[in-house]
Structure formats: C-alpha cells, structure tokens
Amino acid sequence: MVIALVRTVILYLLIIAGLRLMGKRQIGELEPSELVLALLIADLAAVPMQDFGIPLLTGVIPILTLLCLTTILSVATMKSRRARDLLCGRPSVIIRDGRPDQREMRRNRFTLDELAEELRVKGYADLSAVKYAILETNGQLSVLPYAAQAPATAAQLGVMPPEPGLPRVLISDGALLPGALAGAGRDEDWLREQLRARGLSSPGQVFLCTVDETGKVCLIPREAVG
C-alpha cells in the first residue's frame, strides 16, 4: 500500500512538472505537439502506477526523455521559423471579405456548422459582418469584423474614462495575505478601517477583499454556513 502511494505521488509530481514546462495554456489551447506530449505522459505514467511488477524507472525515464525532447523542440521553434511551421503549423484564413474560403475549410476539415458555432460564440451571427476569420494553430478562431461592425472604442467616441487599476487580493476566503497588503502600500490599520466601515470586525468574516491601483476596494463578506 505504501509502495503504491509513493509511486503514485512521484509520477503525479513528475506529470505536474511536465505540464508546467509547457506553460500556462489550457488544454484546449495546446499546440498539436504539446497535446501529443500530454497524452503520452499520461499513458506512460498510468502503466507503472497500476502494475507494481513494473519498475518505477520504466515510467520515469520515458517521461523525463519526453520532457527533455519537448524542451529542445521549444527552443528550436523559437529560433527557427521552419521548425515552428513544421511542428505548430500555420494559421489559416477561413473567411475573407465575408466569404468562407472553402479550400481552407476542407484542408482543415472545418465544417460550416463548426464555423457558424465559433462565430456565434464570438458574437457574430452574420458572415457578412466578418472581414477575416483566422483559424489559429491552437484551434481557436480569431474574428476580425468590418470596421462598421466593430464595437466603438472610447477614443472613437471622444470619451476618456479612467484607466482601470490592477486589483490585488488582500483577503482570500477569510485568510489575510500580508505580502499583498504591503505590496498594495496599505497596512493593517487601513484594512481594519475598511472592515469597520462595512460592519465587519476581522478578516475571517471576509470572503474576498481586493484593492486596485486607484484605491477602489471590493469587499465581499463570507456567507454563513447553514
């Protein structure tokens, strides 16, 4: 039982390290080579995790080999355009001037139903409103509408709204984060004043408290557990 626990923990930590090496992108946004790597690592880890007769190194060594290989390939794709095109592919223009490019759609096996669905997700129900739609190498569809169909910006409207500040979490689920408080240029006396102003007496009563660069405070009390 202990052996099973230790083997599982080791392989789990190794897989987590491998996924961290691939960056912070979500699974749906992985490049083809990264998705293949994730599937292979999961498959290699499952065998020694279930079969105790197989040495642990049988799974660890191939996983480490794959991680080294993906690191080498990542460096190669950064330095070589040809390697990047070969491993990651190139974006495909699916719509040009409001008309689907049928050849590109066939090449990418992208159906009209999938195109319509992706456009609806982006907020466009009419093909004629789209100047370009680009199928990116990670499978996501980027939509560039005609200028007349694009939402107006504040600059175009002649409005100068205040710049948004980056919120910093000070209290998370009742736990005070002293480092974040100091990083925001605040102290505990200031925080206690904010709590008292909202009828609260301690950070333990707060579910979330943030403050941004403009000094705007967002405070959400914890709900009573029934």
Protein backbone atom coordinates (compact mmCIF):
# COMPACT_ATOMS: atom_id res chain seq x y z
CA MET A 1 0.00 0.00 0.00
CA VAL A 2 2.81 2.37 0.91
CA ILE A 3 4.66 1.49 -2.29
CA ALA A 4 1.56 2.27 -4.34
CA LEU A 5 1.20 5.62 -2.60
CA VAL A 6 4.85 6.58 -3.12
CA ARG A 7 4.84 5.54 -6.79
CA THR A 8 1.63 7.47 -7.45
CA VAL A 9 2.93 10.62 -5.74
CA ILE A 10 6.23 10.51 -7.66
CA LEU A 11 4.52 10.06 -11.02
CA TYR A 12 1.92 12.71 -10.21
CA LEU A 13 4.57 15.28 -9.32
CA LEU A 14 6.50 14.38 -12.46
CA ILE A 15 3.43 14.95 -14.66
CA ILE A 16 2.72 18.28 -12.95
CA ALA A 17 6.32 19.34 -13.63
CA GLY A 18 5.89 18.36 -17.26
CA LEU A 19 2.71 20.37 -17.67
CA ARG A 20 4.37 23.38 -16.02
CA LEU A 21 7.16 23.14 -18.59
CA MET A 22 4.56 23.50 -21.32
CA GLY A 23 3.42 26.83 -19.86
CA LYS A 24 0.09 28.09 -18.56
CA ARG A 25 -2.10 27.50 -21.57
CA GLN A 26 -5.27 25.50 -21.13
CA ILE A 27 -5.62 22.06 -22.68
CA GLY A 28 -7.92 23.46 -25.40
CA GLU A 29 -5.18 25.90 -26.38
CA LEU A 30 -2.28 23.45 -26.67
CA GLU A 31 -0.33 23.18 -29.87
CA PRO A 32 -0.56 19.73 -31.54
CA SER A 33 2.92 18.73 -30.33
CA GLU A 34 2.06 19.76 -26.77
CA LEU A 35 -1.21 17.82 -26.80
CA VAL A 36 0.60 14.70 -28.03
CA LEU A 37 3.16 15.12 -25.24
CA ALA A 38 0.44 15.43 -22.58
CA LEU A 39 -1.29 12.27 -23.83
CA LEU A 40 1.96 10.30 -23.96
CA ILE A 41 2.99 11.35 -20.46
CA ALA A 42 -0.40 10.36 -19.06
CA ASP A 43 -0.21 6.97 -20.78
CA LEU A 44 3.36 6.30 -19.63
CA ALA A 45 2.53 7.21 -16.04
CA ALA A 46 -0.58 5.02 -15.90
CA VAL A 47 1.29 1.74 -16.51
CA PRO A 48 3.75 1.77 -13.55
CA MET A 49 1.08 3.39 -11.39
CA GLN A 50 -1.21 0.37 -11.81
CA ASP A 51 1.23 -2.51 -12.27
CA PHE A 52 3.57 -2.80 -9.27
CA GLY A 53 5.57 -5.50 -11.04
CA ILE A 54 6.94 -2.91 -13.43
CA PRO A 55 9.93 -0.91 -12.11
CA LEU A 56 9.17 2.73 -11.45
CA LEU A 57 12.06 3.79 -13.70
CA THR A 58 10.21 2.17 -16.61
CA GLY A 59 7.78 5.07 -16.47
CA VAL A 60 10.06 7.79 -15.13
CA ILE A 61 12.80 7.52 -17.76
CA PRO A 62 10.49 7.81 -20.82
CA ILE A 63 8.67 10.74 -19.20
CA LEU A 64 11.95 12.55 -18.50
CA THR A 65 13.05 11.81 -22.06
CA LEU A 66 9.86 13.36 -23.43
CA LEU A 67 10.27 16.42 -21.22
CA CYS A 68 13.82 16.91 -22.44
CA LEU A 69 12.67 16.43 -26.02
CA THR A 70 9.88 18.99 -25.70
CA THR A 71 12.32 21.49 -24.18
CA ILE A 72 14.66 21.02 -27.16
CA LEU A 73 11.78 21.38 -29.60
CA SER A 74 10.55 24.53 -27.83
CA VAL A 75 13.97 26.13 -28.24
CA ALA A 76 14.06 25.02 -31.88
CA THR A 77 10.64 26.55 -32.62
CA MET A 78 11.73 29.83 -31.02
CA LYS A 79 14.86 30.06 -33.15
CA SER A 80 13.68 28.54 -36.44
CA ARG A 81 10.62 29.56 -38.43
CA ARG A 82 10.73 26.33 -40.44
CA ALA A 83 10.71 24.24 -37.28
CA ARG A 84 7.82 26.32 -35.93
CA ASP A 85 5.79 25.82 -39.11
CA LEU A 86 6.55 22.10 -39.14
CA LEU A 87 5.62 21.43 -35.50
CA CYS A 88 2.88 24.01 -34.91
CA GLY A 89 1.51 24.62 -38.38
CA ARG A 90 0.35 27.98 -39.73
CA PRO A 91 -2.84 29.97 -39.16
CA SER A 92 -5.47 29.55 -41.87
CA VAL A 93 -7.74 32.33 -43.13
CA ILE A 94 -11.20 30.72 -43.09
CA ILE A 95 -13.21 33.84 -44.06
CA ARG A 96 -12.08 36.60 -46.44
CA ASP A 97 -14.24 39.65 -47.02
CA GLY A 98 -17.33 37.98 -45.61
CA ARG A 99 -16.99 34.81 -47.71
CA PRO A 100 -15.81 31.41 -46.42
CA ASP A 101 -12.65 30.07 -48.06
CA GLN A 102 -13.91 26.61 -48.98
CA ARG A 103 -10.48 25.22 -49.85
CA GLU A 104 -9.01 26.24 -46.48
CA MET A 105 -12.03 24.81 -44.71
CA ARG A 106 -11.60 21.48 -46.48
CA ARG A 107 -7.88 21.45 -45.77
CA ASN A 108 -8.52 21.96 -42.06
CA ARG A 109 -11.61 19.69 -42.04
CA PHE A 110 -13.60 22.62 -40.68
CA THR A 111 -17.33 22.34 -41.37
CA LEU A 112 -19.87 25.12 -41.87
CA ASP A 113 -21.64 24.09 -38.68
CA GLU A 114 -18.40 24.45 -36.72
CA LEU A 115 -17.74 27.82 -38.35
CA ALA A 116 -21.22 29.09 -37.51
CA GLU A 117 -20.87 27.88 -33.94
CA GLU A 118 -17.49 29.58 -33.47
CA LEU A 119 -18.82 32.82 -34.93
CA ARG A 120 -21.83 32.78 -32.60
CA VAL A 121 -19.52 32.26 -29.64
CA LYS A 122 -17.62 35.37 -30.75
CA GLY A 123 -20.90 37.31 -31.04
CA TYR A 124 -21.34 37.27 -34.83
CA ALA A 125 -24.39 35.60 -36.35
CA ASP A 126 -23.91 37.00 -39.86
CA LEU A 127 -20.98 36.03 -42.09
CA SER A 128 -21.24 39.35 -43.94
CA ALA A 129 -20.18 41.19 -40.77
CA VAL A 130 -16.82 39.41 -40.72
CA LYS A 131 -13.88 40.76 -42.70
CA TYR A 132 -11.48 37.96 -41.72
CA ALA A 133 -11.75 34.83 -39.60
CA ILE A 134 -8.47 33.08 -38.87
CA LEU A 135 -8.14 29.54 -37.57
CA GLU A 136 -5.14 29.71 -35.26
CA THR A 137 -2.64 26.89 -34.75
CA ASN A 138 -4.15 26.09 -31.32
CA GLY A 139 -7.61 25.53 -32.87
CA GLN A 140 -9.10 28.84 -31.74
CA LEU A 141 -10.91 31.07 -34.24
CA SER A 142 -9.92 34.76 -34.33
CA VAL A 143 -12.59 37.03 -35.81
CA LEU A 144 -11.85 40.46 -37.32
CA PRO A 145 -15.10 42.24 -38.21
CA TYR A 146 -15.59 45.03 -40.70
CA ALA A 147 -14.90 48.43 -39.18
CA ALA A 148 -18.60 49.32 -39.34
CA GLN A 149 -19.46 46.17 -37.36
CA ALA A 150 -16.75 46.51 -34.71
CA PRO A 151 -17.69 47.92 -31.29
CA ALA A 152 -16.80 51.59 -30.93
CA THR A 153 -13.88 52.38 -28.66
CA ALA A 154 -13.73 55.15 -26.08
CA ALA A 155 -11.20 57.00 -28.25
CA GLN A 156 -13.56 56.90 -31.25
CA LEU A 157 -16.37 58.27 -29.11
CA GLY A 158 -14.14 61.01 -27.73
CA VAL A 159 -14.55 59.74 -24.16
CA MET A 160 -11.64 59.47 -21.72
CA PRO A 161 -12.66 57.02 -19.00
CA PRO A 162 -10.29 56.49 -16.06
CA GLU A 163 -7.67 53.80 -16.53
CA PRO A 164 -8.58 50.59 -14.71
CA GLY A 165 -6.30 49.57 -11.85
CA LEU A 166 -4.99 46.05 -11.33
CA PRO A 167 -6.85 44.51 -8.36
CA ARG A 168 -4.71 42.95 -5.65
CA VAL A 169 -6.24 40.29 -3.40
CA LEU A 170 -5.81 41.23 0.28
CA ILE A 171 -8.14 38.67 1.87
CA SER A 172 -8.99 35.32 0.33
CA ASP A 173 -11.67 33.17 1.96
CA GLY A 174 -11.03 34.61 5.41
CA ALA A 175 -7.23 34.49 5.19
CA LEU A 176 -5.28 37.77 5.28
CA LEU A 177 -2.40 37.99 2.79
CA PRO A 178 0.20 40.25 4.48
CA GLY A 179 2.50 40.28 1.45
CA ALA A 180 -0.29 41.52 -0.81
CA LEU A 181 -1.28 44.13 1.77
CA ALA A 182 2.25 45.50 1.90
CA GLY A 183 2.57 45.30 -1.89
CA ALA A 184 -0.54 47.46 -2.22
CA GLY A 185 1.04 50.09 0.03
CA ARG A 186 -1.51 49.52 2.80
CA ASP A 187 -1.27 48.44 6.42
CA GLU A 188 -3.47 46.57 8.84
CA ASP A 189 -4.82 49.79 10.38
CA TRP A 190 -6.16 50.81 6.96
CA LEU A 191 -7.66 47.36 6.49
CA ARG A 192 -9.39 47.45 9.88
CA GLU A 193 -10.94 50.80 8.94
CA GLN A 194 -12.27 49.28 5.72
CA LEU A 195 -13.76 46.37 7.67
CA ARG A 196 -15.37 48.61 10.30
CA ALA A 197 -16.91 50.80 7.60
CA ARG A 198 -18.73 47.70 6.37
CA GLY A 199 -19.74 46.41 9.79
CA LEU A 200 -17.06 43.70 9.97
CA SER A 201 -14.53 43.13 12.71
CA SER A 202 -11.99 40.61 11.39
CA PRO A 203 -10.59 39.22 8.10
CA GLY A 204 -12.20 35.89 8.99
CA GLN A 205 -15.58 37.40 8.14
CA VAL A 206 -14.45 38.31 4.61
CA PHE A 207 -14.71 36.01 1.60
CA LEU A 208 -12.81 38.31 -0.77
CA CYS A 209 -11.22 41.72 -0.41
CA THR A 210 -9.30 43.45 -3.20
CA VAL A 211 -7.90 46.92 -3.79
CA ASP A 212 -6.73 48.28 -7.13
CA GLU A 213 -4.17 50.90 -8.09
CA THR A 214 -6.79 53.65 -7.98
CA GLY A 215 -7.74 52.78 -4.40
CA LYS A 216 -11.05 51.14 -5.25
CA VAL A 217 -11.92 48.50 -2.67
CA CYS A 218 -14.09 45.45 -3.38
CA LEU A 219 -15.15 43.55 -0.25
CA ILE A 220 -17.43 40.51 -0.20
CA PRO A 221 -18.41 39.12 3.26
CA ARG A 222 -18.43 35.39 3.90
CA GLU A 223 -21.81 33.74 3.90
CA ALA A 224 -22.91 31.84 6.97
CA VAL A 225 -22.63 28.06 6.55
CA GLY A 226 -26.06 26.58 7.06
